[in-house]
Protein backbone atom coordinates (compact mmCIF):
# COMPACT_ATOMS: atom_id res chain seq x y z
CA MET A 1 -30.21 28.13 0.87
CA ALA A 2 -26.96 27.17 -0.81
CA ASP A 3 -24.90 27.98 2.30
CA LEU A 4 -26.71 25.49 4.56
CA PHE A 5 -24.08 23.51 6.50
CA VAL A 6 -24.48 19.76 5.86
CA LYS A 7 -22.71 16.98 7.76
CA ILE A 8 -22.87 13.32 6.70
CA CYS A 9 -22.08 11.18 9.74
CA GLY A 10 -21.24 7.58 10.51
CA LEU A 11 -19.00 7.01 7.49
CA ARG A 12 -16.91 3.83 7.45
CA THR A 13 -15.67 3.26 3.89
CA GLU A 14 -13.65 5.08 1.25
CA ARG A 15 -16.65 4.99 -1.11
CA ASP A 16 -18.91 6.70 1.43
CA VAL A 17 -16.37 9.43 2.15
CA ASP A 18 -15.72 10.05 -1.54
CA VAL A 19 -19.44 10.26 -2.36
CA ALA A 20 -20.15 12.65 0.52
CA VAL A 21 -17.27 14.95 -0.46
CA ALA A 22 -18.07 14.86 -4.18
CA SER A 23 -21.73 15.62 -3.44
CA GLY A 24 -20.83 18.76 -1.52
CA ALA A 25 -20.86 17.85 2.17
CA ASP A 26 -19.35 20.49 4.47
CA ALA A 27 -18.40 17.91 7.09
CA VAL A 28 -18.04 14.14 7.43
CA GLY A 29 -18.32 12.28 10.71
CA PHE A 30 -16.59 9.20 12.09
CA VAL A 31 -18.16 7.51 15.12
CA PHE A 32 -15.87 6.39 17.95
CA ALA A 33 -18.73 5.73 20.37
CA ALA A 34 -19.99 2.13 20.58
CA GLY A 35 -22.60 1.20 17.97
CA PRO A 36 -23.15 -0.12 14.43
CA ARG A 37 -21.13 2.71 12.85
CA THR A 38 -18.03 2.57 15.07
CA VAL A 39 -14.59 2.93 13.51
CA ASP A 40 -11.16 2.67 15.11
CA ALA A 41 -8.47 5.35 14.97
CA PRO A 42 -6.45 3.79 12.08
CA THR A 43 -9.59 3.51 9.93
CA ALA A 44 -10.64 7.06 10.70
CA HIS A 45 -7.11 8.28 9.95
CA ARG A 46 -7.12 6.53 6.57
CA LEU A 47 -10.55 7.94 5.70
CA ALA A 48 -9.83 11.46 6.97
CA ALA A 49 -6.70 11.58 4.80
CA ARG A 50 -8.98 11.43 1.73
CA VAL A 51 -10.91 14.53 2.78
CA PRO A 52 -9.91 17.94 1.36
CA ASP A 53 -9.15 20.76 3.77
CA HIS A 54 -12.39 22.63 3.10
CA VAL A 55 -14.45 19.70 4.46
CA LEU A 56 -14.45 19.30 8.25
CA THR A 57 -13.59 15.85 9.66
CA VAL A 58 -15.50 15.15 12.87
CA GLY A 59 -15.06 12.44 15.50
CA VAL A 60 -18.19 11.54 17.46
CA PHE A 61 -17.85 10.45 21.10
CA ARG A 62 -20.29 9.50 23.84
CA GLY A 63 -19.61 8.67 27.47
CA GLN A 64 -15.85 8.33 26.98
CA SER A 65 -13.11 9.72 29.21
CA VAL A 66 -11.46 12.95 28.18
CA GLU A 67 -8.15 11.09 27.88
CA GLU A 68 -9.67 8.54 25.48
CA VAL A 69 -11.29 11.27 23.41
CA ARG A 70 -8.08 13.24 23.15
CA GLU A 71 -6.02 10.16 22.24
CA LEU A 72 -8.45 9.01 19.54
CA ALA A 73 -8.68 12.51 18.11
CA GLU A 74 -4.91 12.88 17.91
CA HIS A 75 -4.31 9.41 16.42
CA SER A 76 -7.06 9.72 13.82
CA GLY A 77 -6.17 13.22 12.64
CA ILE A 78 -9.75 14.52 12.81
CA ARG A 79 -10.20 18.29 13.05
CA ALA A 80 -13.38 18.42 15.14
CA ILE A 81 -14.70 16.65 18.24
CA GLN A 82 -18.42 16.09 18.82
CA LEU A 83 -19.46 15.14 22.35
CA HIS A 84 -22.80 13.37 22.95
CA GLY A 85 -23.17 13.01 26.68
CA ASP A 86 -22.91 14.67 30.07
CA GLU A 87 -19.47 16.13 29.46
CA GLY A 88 -18.97 19.35 31.39
CA PRO A 89 -17.01 22.52 30.65
CA ASP A 90 -13.79 20.81 31.76
CA TYR A 91 -13.96 18.51 28.71
CA TYR A 92 -14.17 21.45 26.32
CA GLU A 93 -11.37 23.27 28.11
CA THR A 94 -9.11 20.20 28.05
CA LEU A 95 -9.85 19.33 24.42
CA ARG A 96 -9.43 22.86 23.08
CA ALA A 97 -6.55 22.99 20.60
CA PRO A 98 -5.48 25.26 17.72
CA GLY A 99 -7.44 24.48 14.58
CA ARG A 100 -9.85 22.13 16.37
CA THR A 101 -13.63 22.65 16.38
CA LEU A 102 -15.62 21.49 19.42
CA ILE A 103 -19.26 20.46 18.93
CA ARG A 104 -21.73 19.85 21.77
CA ALA A 105 -24.67 17.54 20.99
CA VAL A 106 -27.77 17.99 23.15
CA ALA A 107 -30.91 15.84 23.12
CA ALA A 108 -34.14 17.60 22.21
CA GLY A 109 -36.75 17.89 24.91
CA GLN A 110 -34.48 19.48 27.46
CA ARG A 111 -34.44 23.22 28.03
CA THR A 112 -33.41 25.25 25.00
CA PRO A 113 -29.60 25.26 25.15
CA ARG A 114 -27.43 28.29 24.48
CA PRO A 115 -24.65 27.82 21.92
CA GLY A 116 -21.24 28.17 23.53
CA GLU A 117 -22.38 27.92 27.14
CA LEU A 118 -19.97 25.06 27.93
CA GLY A 119 -17.16 26.35 25.75
CA GLU A 120 -18.13 24.61 22.50
CA ASP A 121 -17.82 26.22 19.08
CA LEU A 122 -21.00 24.73 17.66
CA LEU A 123 -24.23 23.33 19.11
CA LEU A 124 -26.04 20.31 17.67
CA LEU A 125 -29.65 19.60 18.65
CA ASP A 126 -30.35 15.88 18.29
CA ALA A 127 -33.17 13.40 18.81
CA PRO A 128 -33.75 12.09 22.34
CA ASP A 129 -32.29 8.77 21.14
CA PRO A 130 -29.24 9.78 19.03
CA GLY A 131 -28.35 7.49 16.13
CA SER A 132 -31.66 5.64 16.24
CA GLY A 133 -33.04 7.22 13.07
CA LYS A 134 -36.19 8.20 14.94
CA ALA A 135 -37.46 11.66 14.06
CA TRP A 136 -38.46 14.03 16.86
CA ASN A 137 -41.12 16.69 16.81
CA TRP A 138 -39.08 19.68 15.66
CA GLY A 139 -42.30 21.07 14.13
CA ALA A 140 -44.13 21.27 17.47
CA PRO A 141 -45.73 24.67 18.22
CA ASP A 142 -43.80 24.94 21.49
CA PHE A 143 -40.41 24.20 19.92
CA ALA A 144 -37.95 26.97 20.71
CA ALA A 145 -34.91 27.08 18.47
CA PRO A 146 -31.54 27.93 20.02
CA ALA A 147 -30.16 31.36 19.26
CA GLY A 148 -27.39 31.79 16.71
CA ARG A 149 -25.75 29.06 14.65
CA TRP A 150 -26.84 25.52 15.44
CA VAL A 151 -27.16 22.16 13.68
CA LEU A 152 -30.33 20.05 13.50
CA ALA A 153 -30.08 16.24 13.67
CA GLY A 154 -32.28 13.27 14.41
CA GLY A 155 -34.29 11.23 11.92
CA LEU A 156 -33.71 13.52 8.94
CA ARG A 157 -34.10 12.01 5.46
CA PRO A 158 -33.97 13.32 1.88
CA ASP A 159 -37.75 13.75 1.90
CA THR A 160 -37.93 15.63 5.23
CA VAL A 161 -34.79 17.76 5.43
CA ARG A 162 -36.14 20.84 3.62
CA ALA A 163 -39.27 21.00 5.76
CA ALA A 164 -37.15 20.58 8.89
CA VAL A 165 -34.85 23.46 7.98
CA GLU A 166 -37.74 25.73 7.04
CA ALA A 167 -39.62 24.93 10.26
CA THR A 168 -36.68 25.41 12.62
CA GLY A 169 -34.38 27.93 10.94
CA ALA A 170 -31.41 25.66 11.60
CA TRP A 171 -28.04 26.86 10.31
CA GLY A 172 -27.01 23.30 9.48
CA VAL A 173 -28.16 19.68 9.37
CA ASP A 174 -26.56 16.37 10.30
CA VAL A 175 -27.64 12.96 8.97
CA SER A 176 -26.57 9.36 9.50
CA SER A 177 -29.31 6.72 9.49
CA GLY A 178 -31.37 8.74 7.00
CA VAL A 179 -28.84 7.97 4.25
CA GLU A 180 -28.50 4.25 4.96
CA SER A 181 -29.79 1.25 3.01
CA GLU A 182 -29.62 -0.77 6.23
CA ARG A 183 -28.45 0.04 9.74
CA GLY A 184 -24.80 1.08 9.56
CA VAL A 185 -24.55 0.76 5.75
CA LYS A 186 -24.55 4.01 3.77
CA SER A 187 -26.29 4.39 0.41
CA PRO A 188 -24.49 6.56 -2.16
CA GLU A 189 -27.82 7.37 -3.78
CA LEU A 190 -29.34 8.53 -0.50
CA ILE A 191 -26.26 10.63 0.37
CA ARG A 192 -26.55 12.40 -2.99
CA ALA A 193 -30.33 12.79 -2.62
CA PHE A 194 -30.01 14.22 0.90
CA LEU A 195 -27.46 16.84 -0.13
CA ALA A 196 -29.52 17.81 -3.19
CA ALA A 197 -32.70 18.11 -1.12
CA ALA A 198 -31.02 20.02 1.70
CA ARG A 199 -29.80 22.65 -0.73
CA ALA A 200 -32.83 22.68 -3.05
């Protein structure tokens, strides 16, 4: 499945960005929400400037005002916005801009969401506790995958990503804690291993 979309999220250093890009990531994520992987706009701008045009740069937000999201997105130069929260259709309408991709992250366990229903371009199905590294039961018999293109996230690791994709039929995958040597610290070896396993 060579065309599986792979996003490496929570990047904070030049080394991490360079390794993800060189290893074939389709997207790299910078976290603006509070947590161990948070970066500020100048840092994200510096890192995003290293990323070639064919790799999507994504800013991750949670529980922030639409004005703050828009300001951080514009100052950092990212080309996609990922919202993890209770943001309604008004957020997506306000943040829509030429050349910008809007991603809606939804916690698993709720009703099966429909891609695009709030105006987003891409749907991401995440663990109930996003960013925790805890896997969720995507292999459950009653799991109903969303229709169309969607991205699977939540507790994925190099040794589980293939089984997860095969079980769910996800169009893409997103990883953060699963490629870390310790919380908030990325491992180049694990980034390479994840991308190799995802596309094996």
